[in-house]
Amino acid sequence: MTRAALLCAPVAAISLGGCGSVSADSYGLGHGDANYDALKAASERCAASGGAIRVRKGADTRDLANYDCVIGKAR
């Protein structure tokens, strides 16, 4: 493998890793207890980016990992 290919391979893997996301600007909230305070803080951060918190369809609402900050056209 050439040096250029070795340098580009990780970049390609990272770029392709986001293909399953809601939109380019949207993001998951990470793991943790989805209590009132955590959801309120996440909602405020998300709103500051022009987004809104949405629970994933059919997901358990007790874990923050099941919520996304949906920004832009995905809303």
Protein backbone atom coordinates (compact mmCIF):
# COMPACT_ATOMS: atom_id res chain seq x y z
CA MET A 1 0.00 0.00 0.00
CA THR A 2 1.32 3.45 -0.85
CA ARG A 3 1.90 6.10 1.74
CA ALA A 4 -0.96 8.22 0.34
CA ALA A 5 -3.35 5.27 0.56
CA LEU A 6 -2.34 4.64 4.16
CA LEU A 7 -3.01 8.27 5.06
CA CYS A 8 -6.36 8.41 3.25
CA ALA A 9 -7.81 5.13 4.53
CA PRO A 10 -8.68 6.42 8.04
CA VAL A 11 -10.24 9.57 6.57
CA ALA A 12 -12.43 7.49 4.26
CA ALA A 13 -13.50 5.25 7.14
CA ILE A 14 -14.46 8.25 9.27
CA SER A 15 -16.34 9.89 6.39
CA LEU A 16 -18.35 6.75 5.67
CA GLY A 17 -19.07 6.17 9.36
CA GLY A 18 -21.63 8.96 9.43
CA CYS A 19 -23.76 7.57 6.60
CA GLY A 20 -26.41 6.24 8.97
CA SER A 21 -26.92 9.52 10.79
CA VAL A 22 -30.05 11.65 10.56
CA SER A 23 -28.33 14.57 8.82
CA ALA A 24 -24.87 16.07 8.63
CA ASP A 25 -25.54 18.48 11.49
CA SER A 26 -27.66 16.19 13.67
CA TYR A 27 -26.09 14.22 16.49
CA GLY A 28 -26.89 11.66 19.17
CA LEU A 29 -26.90 12.64 22.83
CA GLY A 30 -24.63 9.87 24.09
CA HIS A 31 -25.27 7.41 26.89
CA GLY A 32 -26.71 8.26 30.26
CA ASP A 33 -29.89 8.49 32.27
CA ALA A 34 -32.53 10.45 30.34
CA ASN A 35 -33.85 12.26 33.39
CA TYR A 36 -35.52 15.68 33.35
CA ASP A 37 -32.33 17.66 33.99
CA ALA A 38 -30.28 15.80 31.35
CA LEU A 39 -32.98 16.20 28.70
CA LYS A 40 -33.50 19.86 29.56
CA ALA A 41 -29.78 20.63 29.25
CA ALA A 42 -29.49 18.65 26.00
CA SER A 43 -32.57 20.38 24.64
CA GLU A 44 -31.12 23.81 25.39
CA ARG A 45 -27.80 22.91 23.70
CA CYS A 46 -29.66 21.51 20.71
CA ALA A 47 -31.95 24.54 20.40
CA ALA A 48 -28.89 26.82 20.41
CA SER A 49 -27.82 25.01 17.22
CA GLY A 50 -31.27 25.43 15.69
CA GLY A 51 -32.39 21.87 16.40
CA ALA A 52 -34.89 19.93 18.44
CA ILE A 53 -34.58 16.78 20.53
CA ARG A 54 -36.35 13.73 19.08
CA VAL A 55 -36.60 10.22 20.49
CA ARG A 56 -35.73 7.45 18.04
CA LYS A 57 -38.76 5.53 16.79
CA GLY A 58 -39.52 2.52 18.99
CA ALA A 59 -36.65 3.30 21.36
CA ASP A 60 -36.48 3.08 25.15
CA THR A 61 -36.89 6.64 26.42
CA ARG A 62 -34.85 6.05 29.60
CA ASP A 63 -31.42 6.25 27.86
CA LEU A 64 -30.01 9.43 26.31
CA ALA A 65 -28.46 7.32 23.54
CA ASN A 66 -31.97 6.87 22.13
CA TYR A 67 -32.39 10.60 21.48
CA ASP A 68 -31.02 12.77 18.68
CA CYS A 69 -30.60 16.48 18.26
CA VAL A 70 -32.17 16.88 14.83
CA ILE A 71 -31.00 19.96 12.95
CA GLY A 72 -32.01 21.29 9.58
CA LYS A 73 -33.96 19.42 6.91
CA ALA A 74 -34.17 16.26 9.02
CA ARG A 75 -36.62 18.01 11.38
